PDB file of N, CA and C in Angstrom:
ATOM      1  N   UNK A   1      10.495  -9.779   4.995  1.00  0.00           N
ATOM      2  CA  UNK A   1       9.585 -10.261   6.014  1.00  0.00           C
ATOM      3  C   UNK A   1       9.520 -11.794   5.980  1.00  0.00           C
ATOM      4  N   UNK A   2       9.506 -12.359   4.769  1.00  0.00           N
ATOM      5  CA  UNK A   2       9.468 -13.818   4.652  1.00  0.00           C
ATOM      6  C   UNK A   2      10.741 -14.430   5.226  1.00  0.00           C
ATOM      7  N   UNK A   3      11.872 -13.805   4.918  1.00  0.00           N
ATOM      8  CA  UNK A   3      13.153 -14.284   5.436  1.00  0.00           C
ATOM      9  C   UNK A   3      13.141 -14.264   6.961  1.00  0.00           C
ATOM     10  N   UNK A   4      12.628 -13.196   7.534  1.00  0.00           N
ATOM     11  CA  UNK A   4      12.582 -13.059   8.989  1.00  0.00           C
ATOM     12  C   UNK A   4      11.710 -14.151   9.609  1.00  0.00           C
ATOM     13  N   UNK A   5      10.606 -14.472   8.964  1.00  0.00           N
ATOM     14  CA  UNK A   5       9.698 -15.482   9.493  1.00  0.00           C
ATOM     15  C   UNK A   5      10.329 -16.865   9.524  1.00  0.00           C
ATOM     16  N   UNK A   6      11.264 -17.111   8.610  1.00  0.00           N
ATOM     17  CA  UNK A   6      11.907 -18.423   8.528  1.00  0.00           C
ATOM     18  C   UNK A   6      13.072 -18.576   9.501  1.00  0.00           C
ATOM     19  N   UNK A   7      13.541 -17.490  10.074  1.00  0.00           N
ATOM     20  CA  UNK A   7      14.708 -17.539  10.960  1.00  0.00           C
ATOM     21  C   UNK A   7      14.344 -18.156  12.300  1.00  0.00           C
ATOM     22  N   UNK A   8      15.286 -18.912  12.845  1.00  0.00           N
ATOM     23  CA  UNK A   8      15.057 -19.530  14.149  1.00  0.00           C
ATOM     24  C   UNK A   8      16.021 -19.014  15.220  1.00  0.00           C
ATOM     25  N   UNK A   9      17.186 -18.567  14.808  1.00  0.00           N
ATOM     26  CA  UNK A   9      18.184 -18.076  15.743  1.00  0.00           C
ATOM     27  C   UNK A   9      17.837 -16.672  16.227  1.00  0.00           C
ATOM     28  N   UNK A  10      17.880 -16.430  17.530  1.00  0.00           N
ATOM     29  CA  UNK A  10      17.601 -15.090  18.044  1.00  0.00           C
ATOM     30  C   UNK A  10      18.551 -14.023  17.485  1.00  0.00           C
ATOM     31  N   UNK A  11      19.818 -14.401  17.270  1.00  0.00           N
ATOM     32  CA  UNK A  11      20.787 -13.444  16.724  1.00  0.00           C
ATOM     33  C   UNK A  11      20.408 -13.103  15.278  1.00  0.00           C
ATOM     34  N   UNK A  12      20.075 -14.122  14.499  1.00  0.00           N
ATOM     35  CA  UNK A  12      19.684 -13.892  13.106  1.00  0.00           C
ATOM     36  C   UNK A  12      18.417 -13.036  13.036  1.00  0.00           C
ATOM     37  N   UNK A  13      17.492 -13.272  13.955  1.00  0.00           N
ATOM     38  CA  UNK A  13      16.269 -12.462  13.990  1.00  0.00           C
ATOM     39  C   UNK A  13      16.582 -11.005  14.319  1.00  0.00           C
ATOM     40  N   UNK A  14      17.513 -10.772  15.237  1.00  0.00           N
ATOM     41  CA  UNK A  14      17.886  -9.406  15.617  1.00  0.00           C
ATOM     42  C   UNK A  14      18.543  -8.683  14.438  1.00  0.00           C
ATOM     43  N   UNK A  15      19.426  -9.382  13.725  1.00  0.00           N
ATOM     44  CA  UNK A  15      20.073  -8.788  12.558  1.00  0.00           C
ATOM     45  C   UNK A  15      19.031  -8.479  11.492  1.00  0.00           C
ATOM     46  N   UNK A  16      18.117  -9.404  11.283  1.00  0.00           N
ATOM     47  CA  UNK A  16      17.055  -9.205  10.296  1.00  0.00           C
ATOM     48  C   UNK A  16      16.182  -8.008  10.673  1.00  0.00           C
ATOM     49  N   UNK A  17      15.868  -7.879  11.936  1.00  0.00           N
ATOM     50  CA  UNK A  17      15.046  -6.759  12.400  1.00  0.00           C
ATOM     51  C   UNK A  17      15.749  -5.430  12.130  1.00  0.00           C
ATOM     52  N   UNK A  18      17.050  -5.388  12.343  1.00  0.00           N
ATOM     53  CA  UNK A  18      17.809  -4.162  12.084  1.00  0.00           C
ATOM     54  C   UNK A  18      17.780  -3.821  10.594  1.00  0.00           C
ATOM     55  N   UNK A  19      17.893  -4.834   9.744  1.00  0.00           N
ATOM     56  CA  UNK A  19      17.831  -4.609   8.298  1.00  0.00           C
ATOM     57  C   UNK A  19      16.453  -4.067   7.900  1.00  0.00           C
ATOM     58  N   UNK A  20      15.412  -4.632   8.486  1.00  0.00           N
ATOM     59  CA  UNK A  20      14.058  -4.177   8.179  1.00  0.00           C
ATOM     60  C   UNK A  20      13.832  -2.740   8.644  1.00  0.00           C
ATOM     61  N   UNK A  21      14.387  -2.377   9.786  1.00  0.00           N
ATOM     62  CA  UNK A  21      14.237  -1.011  10.292  1.00  0.00           C
ATOM     63  C   UNK A  21      14.859   0.002   9.336  1.00  0.00           C
ATOM     64  N   UNK A  22      15.943  -0.402   8.659  1.00  0.00           N
ATOM     65  CA  UNK A  22      16.575   0.493   7.688  1.00  0.00           C
ATOM     66  C   UNK A  22      15.660   0.744   6.497  1.00  0.00           C
ATOM     67  N   UNK A  23      14.759  -0.171   6.220  1.00  0.00           N
ATOM     68  CA  UNK A  23      13.833  -0.031   5.094  1.00  0.00           C
ATOM     69  C   UNK A  23      12.575   0.763   5.457  1.00  0.00           C
ATOM     70  N   UNK A  24      12.399   1.039   6.726  1.00  0.00           N
ATOM     71  CA  UNK A  24      11.188   1.716   7.189  1.00  0.00           C
ATOM     72  C   UNK A  24      10.908   3.037   6.453  1.00  0.00           C
ATOM     73  N   UNK A  25      11.909   3.896   6.204  1.00  0.00           N
ATOM     74  CA  UNK A  25      11.614   5.131   5.460  1.00  0.00           C
ATOM     75  C   UNK A  25      11.056   4.864   4.055  1.00  0.00           C
ATOM     76  N   UNK A  26      11.532   3.792   3.426  1.00  0.00           N
ATOM     77  CA  UNK A  26      11.007   3.439   2.103  1.00  0.00           C
ATOM     78  C   UNK A  26       9.544   3.025   2.186  1.00  0.00           C
ATOM     79  N   UNK A  27       9.210   2.264   3.220  1.00  0.00           N
ATOM     80  CA  UNK A  27       7.815   1.837   3.391  1.00  0.00           C
ATOM     81  C   UNK A  27       6.919   3.038   3.683  1.00  0.00           C
ATOM     82  N   UNK A  28       7.420   3.960   4.486  1.00  0.00           N
ATOM     83  CA  UNK A  28       6.637   5.157   4.806  1.00  0.00           C
ATOM     84  C   UNK A  28       6.415   5.990   3.552  1.00  0.00           C
ATOM     85  N   UNK A  29       7.450   6.109   2.716  1.00  0.00           N
ATOM     86  CA  UNK A  29       7.306   6.839   1.458  1.00  0.00           C
ATOM     87  C   UNK A  29       6.256   6.171   0.568  1.00  0.00           C
ATOM     88  N   UNK A  30       6.283   4.853   0.483  1.00  0.00           N
ATOM     89  CA  UNK A  30       5.272   4.137  -0.294  1.00  0.00           C
ATOM     90  C   UNK A  30       3.867   4.392   0.251  1.00  0.00           C
ATOM     91  N   UNK A  31       3.756   4.431   1.553  1.00  0.00           N
ATOM     92  CA  UNK A  31       2.462   4.704   2.192  1.00  0.00           C
ATOM     93  C   UNK A  31       1.963   6.101   1.816  1.00  0.00           C
ATOM     94  N   UNK A  32       2.862   7.067   1.818  1.00  0.00           N
ATOM     95  CA  UNK A  32       2.489   8.430   1.427  1.00  0.00           C
ATOM     96  C   UNK A  32       2.056   8.478  -0.040  1.00  0.00           C
ATOM     97  N   UNK A  33       2.765   7.742  -0.900  1.00  0.00           N
ATOM     98  CA  UNK A  33       2.425   7.713  -2.322  1.00  0.00           C
ATOM     99  C   UNK A  33       1.052   7.090  -2.559  1.00  0.00           C
ATOM    100  N   UNK A  34       0.766   5.985  -1.880  1.00  0.00           N
ATOM    101  CA  UNK A  34      -0.535   5.336  -2.078  1.00  0.00           C
ATOM    102  C   UNK A  34      -1.651   6.205  -1.514  1.00  0.00           C
ATOM    103  N   UNK A  35      -1.389   6.906  -0.419  1.00  0.00           N
ATOM    104  CA  UNK A  35      -2.412   7.802   0.125  1.00  0.00           C
ATOM    105  C   UNK A  35      -2.705   8.948  -0.842  1.00  0.00           C
ATOM    106  N   UNK A  36      -1.667   9.465  -1.501  1.00  0.00           N
ATOM    107  CA  UNK A  36      -1.873  10.500  -2.514  1.00  0.00           C
ATOM    108  C   UNK A  36      -2.689   9.948  -3.679  1.00  0.00           C
ATOM    109  N   UNK A  37      -2.389   8.718  -4.068  1.00  0.00           N
ATOM    110  CA  UNK A  37      -3.143   8.086  -5.162  1.00  0.00           C
ATOM    111  C   UNK A  37      -4.604   7.875  -4.756  1.00  0.00           C
ATOM    112  N   UNK A  38      -4.829   7.470  -3.526  1.00  0.00           N
ATOM    113  CA  UNK A  38      -6.202   7.291  -3.040  1.00  0.00           C
ATOM    114  C   UNK A  38      -6.952   8.628  -3.027  1.00  0.00           C
ATOM    115  N   UNK A  39      -6.260   9.698  -2.671  1.00  0.00           N
ATOM    116  CA  UNK A  39      -6.880  11.028  -2.712  1.00  0.00           C
ATOM    117  C   UNK A  39      -7.282  11.394  -4.147  1.00  0.00           C
ATOM    118  N   UNK A  40      -6.400  11.078  -5.107  1.00  0.00           N
ATOM    119  CA  UNK A  40      -6.720  11.337  -6.520  1.00  0.00           C
ATOM    120  C   UNK A  40      -7.923  10.513  -6.965  1.00  0.00           C
ATOM    121  N   UNK A  41      -7.973   9.263  -6.527  1.00  0.00           N
ATOM    122  CA  UNK A  41      -9.114   8.417  -6.880  1.00  0.00           C
ATOM    123  C   UNK A  41     -10.412   8.975  -6.297  1.00  0.00           C
ATOM    124  N   UNK A  42     -10.317   9.495  -5.098  1.00  0.00           N
ATOM    125  CA  UNK A  42     -11.502  10.095  -4.468  1.00  0.00           C
ATOM    126  C   UNK A  42     -11.998  11.287  -5.297  1.00  0.00           C
ATOM    127  N   UNK A  43     -11.073  12.128  -5.723  1.00  0.00           N
ATOM    128  CA  UNK A  43     -11.425  13.281  -6.557  1.00  0.00           C
ATOM    129  C   UNK A  43     -12.048  12.827  -7.867  1.00  0.00           C
ATOM    130  N   UNK A  44     -11.416  11.847  -8.507  1.00  0.00           N
ATOM    131  CA  UNK A  44     -11.949  11.336  -9.779  1.00  0.00           C
ATOM    132  C   UNK A  44     -13.328  10.709  -9.598  1.00  0.00           C
ATOM    133  N   UNK A  45     -13.548  10.074  -8.467  1.00  0.00           N
ATOM    134  CA  UNK A  45     -14.851   9.462  -8.195  1.00  0.00           C
ATOM    135  C   UNK A  45     -15.920  10.537  -8.035  1.00  0.00           C
ATOM    136  N   UNK A  46     -15.592  11.603  -7.301  1.00  0.00           N
ATOM    137  CA  UNK A  46     -16.543  12.711  -7.151  1.00  0.00           C
ATOM    138  C   UNK A  46     -16.848  13.350  -8.497  1.00  0.00           C
ATOM    139  N   UNK A  47     -15.804  13.531  -9.320  1.00  0.00           N
ATOM    140  CA  UNK A  47     -15.998  14.116 -10.648  1.00  0.00           C
ATOM    141  C   UNK A  47     -16.871  13.215 -11.519  1.00  0.00           C
ATOM    142  N   UNK A  48     -16.659  11.909 -11.441  1.00  0.00           N
ATOM    143  CA  UNK A  48     -17.457  10.966 -12.227  1.00  0.00           C
ATOM    144  C   UNK A  48     -18.914  10.995 -11.784  1.00  0.00           C
ATOM    145  N   UNK A  49     -19.128  11.253 -10.511  1.00  0.00           N
ATOM    146  CA  UNK A  49     -20.490  11.317  -9.983  1.00  0.00           C
ATOM    147  C   UNK A  49     -21.229  12.554 -10.481  1.00  0.00           C
ATOM    148  N   UNK A  50     -20.480  13.601 -10.803  1.00  0.00           N
ATOM    149  CA  UNK A  50     -21.078  14.864 -11.215  1.00  0.00           C
ATOM    150  C   UNK A  50     -21.244  15.003 -12.727  1.00  0.00           C
ATOM    151  N   UNK A  51     -20.601  14.146 -13.501  1.00  0.00           N
ATOM    152  CA  UNK A  51     -20.602  14.305 -14.960  1.00  0.00           C
ATOM    153  C   UNK A  51     -21.108  13.027 -15.626  1.00  0.00           C
ATOM    154  N   UNK A  52     -21.525  13.157 -16.867  1.00  0.00           N
ATOM    155  CA  UNK A  52     -21.915  11.952 -17.599  1.00  0.00           C
ATOM    156  C   UNK A  52     -20.707  11.017 -17.727  1.00  0.00           C
ATOM    157  N   UNK A  53     -20.959   9.743 -17.625  1.00  0.00           N
ATOM    158  CA  UNK A  53     -19.866   8.786 -17.701  1.00  0.00           C
ATOM    159  C   UNK A  53     -20.367   7.496 -18.351  1.00  0.00           C
ATOM    160  N   UNK A  54     -19.417   6.725 -18.829  1.00  0.00           N
ATOM    161  CA  UNK A  54     -19.778   5.453 -19.430  1.00  0.00           C
ATOM    162  C   UNK A  54     -19.361   4.314 -18.502  1.00  0.00           C
ATOM    163  N   UNK A  55     -19.915   3.148 -18.752  1.00  0.00           N
ATOM    164  CA  UNK A  55     -19.654   1.992 -17.888  1.00  0.00           C
ATOM    165  C   UNK A  55     -18.177   1.603 -17.898  1.00  0.00           C
ATOM    166  N   UNK A  56     -17.521   1.725 -19.042  1.00  0.00           N
ATOM    167  CA  UNK A  56     -16.114   1.328 -19.133  1.00  0.00           C
ATOM    168  C   UNK A  56     -15.237   2.185 -18.221  1.00  0.00           C
ATOM    169  N   UNK A  57     -15.469   3.495 -18.190  1.00  0.00           N
ATOM    170  CA  UNK A  57     -14.648   4.361 -17.344  1.00  0.00           C
ATOM    171  C   UNK A  57     -14.921   4.101 -15.864  1.00  0.00           C
ATOM    172  N   UNK A  58     -16.168   3.778 -15.530  1.00  0.00           N
ATOM    173  CA  UNK A  58     -16.478   3.442 -14.132  1.00  0.00           C
ATOM    174  C   UNK A  58     -15.834   2.124 -13.726  1.00  0.00           C
ATOM    175  N   UNK A  59     -15.778   1.176 -14.649  1.00  0.00           N
ATOM    176  CA  UNK A  59     -15.133  -0.101 -14.364  1.00  0.00           C
ATOM    177  C   UNK A  59     -13.639   0.100 -14.097  1.00  0.00           C
ATOM    178  N   UNK A  60     -13.004   0.921 -14.905  1.00  0.00           N
ATOM    179  CA  UNK A  60     -11.579   1.214 -14.709  1.00  0.00           C
ATOM    180  C   UNK A  60     -11.360   1.875 -13.349  1.00  0.00           C
ATOM    181  N   UNK A  61     -12.215   2.813 -13.012  1.00  0.00           N
ATOM    182  CA  UNK A  61     -12.103   3.491 -11.722  1.00  0.00           C
ATOM    183  C   UNK A  61     -12.280   2.496 -10.571  1.00  0.00           C
ATOM    184  N   UNK A  62     -13.247   1.606 -10.693  1.00  0.00           N
ATOM    185  CA  UNK A  62     -13.474   0.598  -9.653  1.00  0.00           C
ATOM    186  C   UNK A  62     -12.269  -0.335  -9.516  1.00  0.00           C
ATOM    187  N   UNK A  63     -11.682  -0.729 -10.645  1.00  0.00           N
ATOM    188  CA  UNK A  63     -10.498  -1.592 -10.596  1.00  0.00           C
ATOM    189  C   UNK A  63      -9.323  -0.873  -9.940  1.00  0.00           C
ATOM    190  N   UNK A  64      -9.179   0.407 -10.228  1.00  0.00           N
ATOM    191  CA  UNK A  64      -8.109   1.174  -9.591  1.00  0.00           C
ATOM    192  C   UNK A  64      -8.319   1.255  -8.084  1.00  0.00           C
ATOM    193  N   UNK A  65      -9.567   1.454  -7.662  1.00  0.00           N
ATOM    194  CA  UNK A  65      -9.879   1.490  -6.226  1.00  0.00           C
ATOM    195  C   UNK A  65      -9.507   0.165  -5.577  1.00  0.00           C
ATOM    196  N   UNK A  66      -9.864  -0.941  -6.234  1.00  0.00           N
ATOM    197  CA  UNK A  66      -9.571  -2.259  -5.679  1.00  0.00           C
ATOM    198  C   UNK A  66      -8.071  -2.454  -5.517  1.00  0.00           C
ATOM    199  N   UNK A  67      -7.321  -2.155  -6.577  1.00  0.00           N
ATOM    200  CA  UNK A  67      -5.869  -2.317  -6.530  1.00  0.00           C
ATOM    201  C   UNK A  67      -5.250  -1.417  -5.465  1.00  0.00           C
ATOM    202  N   UNK A  68      -5.623  -0.152  -5.450  1.00  0.00           N
ATOM    203  CA  UNK A  68      -5.031   0.806  -4.516  1.00  0.00           C
ATOM    204  C   UNK A  68      -5.355   0.440  -3.070  1.00  0.00           C
ATOM    205  N   UNK A  69      -6.563  -0.034  -2.825  1.00  0.00           N
ATOM    206  CA  UNK A  69      -6.949  -0.426  -1.471  1.00  0.00           C
ATOM    207  C   UNK A  69      -6.140  -1.627  -0.997  1.00  0.00           C
ATOM    208  N   UNK A  70      -5.979  -2.605  -1.868  1.00  0.00           N
ATOM    209  CA  UNK A  70      -5.177  -3.777  -1.494  1.00  0.00           C
ATOM    210  C   UNK A  70      -3.714  -3.391  -1.277  1.00  0.00           C
ATOM    211  N   UNK A  71      -3.209  -2.523  -2.139  1.00  0.00           N
ATOM    212  CA  UNK A  71      -1.835  -2.055  -2.024  1.00  0.00           C
ATOM    213  C   UNK A  71      -1.648  -1.353  -0.678  1.00  0.00           C
ATOM    214  N   UNK A  72      -2.579  -0.492  -0.341  1.00  0.00           N
ATOM    215  CA  UNK A  72      -2.513   0.247   0.917  1.00  0.00           C
ATOM    216  C   UNK A  72      -2.544  -0.707   2.112  1.00  0.00           C
ATOM    217  N   UNK A  73      -3.428  -1.680   2.081  1.00  0.00           N
ATOM    218  CA  UNK A  73      -3.514  -2.644   3.183  1.00  0.00           C
ATOM    219  C   UNK A  73      -2.224  -3.431   3.327  1.00  0.00           C
ATOM    220  N   UNK A  74      -1.644  -3.833   2.225  1.00  0.00           N
ATOM    221  CA  UNK A  74      -0.395  -4.578   2.250  1.00  0.00           C
ATOM    222  C   UNK A  74       0.737  -3.748   2.848  1.00  0.00           C
ATOM    223  N   UNK A  75       0.832  -2.510   2.429  1.00  0.00           N
ATOM    224  CA  UNK A  75       1.878  -1.628   2.947  1.00  0.00           C
ATOM    225  C   UNK A  75       1.675  -1.380   4.447  1.00  0.00           C
ATOM    226  N   UNK A  76       0.441  -1.114   4.847  1.00  0.00           N
ATOM    227  CA  UNK A  76       0.172  -0.855   6.265  1.00  0.00           C
ATOM    228  C   UNK A  76       0.459  -2.088   7.120  1.00  0.00           C
ATOM    229  N   UNK A  77       0.147  -3.267   6.606  1.00  0.00           N
ATOM    230  CA  UNK A  77       0.446  -4.504   7.324  1.00  0.00           C
ATOM    231  C   UNK A  77       1.944  -4.670   7.510  1.00  0.00           C
ATOM    232  N   UNK A  78       2.693  -4.373   6.473  1.00  0.00           N
ATOM    233  CA  UNK A  78       4.154  -4.503   6.542  1.00  0.00           C
ATOM    234  C   UNK A  78       4.729  -3.505   7.525  1.00  0.00           C
ATOM    235  N   UNK A  79       4.273  -2.263   7.470  1.00  0.00           N
ATOM    236  CA  UNK A  79       4.778  -1.241   8.403  1.00  0.00           C
ATOM    237  C   UNK A  79       4.468  -1.643   9.844  1.00  0.00           C
ATOM    238  N   UNK A  80       3.292  -2.167  10.086  1.00  0.00           N
ATOM    239  CA  UNK A  80       2.915  -2.591  11.418  1.00  0.00           C
ATOM    240  C   UNK A  80       3.798  -3.748  11.898  1.00  0.00           C
ATOM    241  N   UNK A  81       4.155  -4.639  10.983  1.00  0.00           N
ATOM    242  CA  UNK A  81       4.990  -5.789  11.342  1.00  0.00           C
ATOM    243  C   UNK A  81       6.432  -5.404  11.645  1.00  0.00           C
ATOM    244  N   UNK A  82       6.852  -4.243  11.152  1.00  0.00           N
ATOM    245  CA  UNK A  82       8.222  -3.811  11.432  1.00  0.00           C
ATOM    246  C   UNK A  82       8.351  -3.502  12.906  1.00  0.00           C
TER     247      UNK A  82
END
């Protein structure tokens, strides 16, 4: 994506776009993986809400949510830009 942004020639941009389109299945697979991870985090969050827990485990869960959410946003932004 960075390479594409730096291109000025219309031909180079078209070639770059074709290369990016070939990567689209990989991006979609990553999106599916992060969505599965987010589903797991949701389950773990519900379980933590129902059982006794310590602050350290909640902090880890919160950090995972933060990372996964940012990862998901980044992937979705890239897919949209394709």
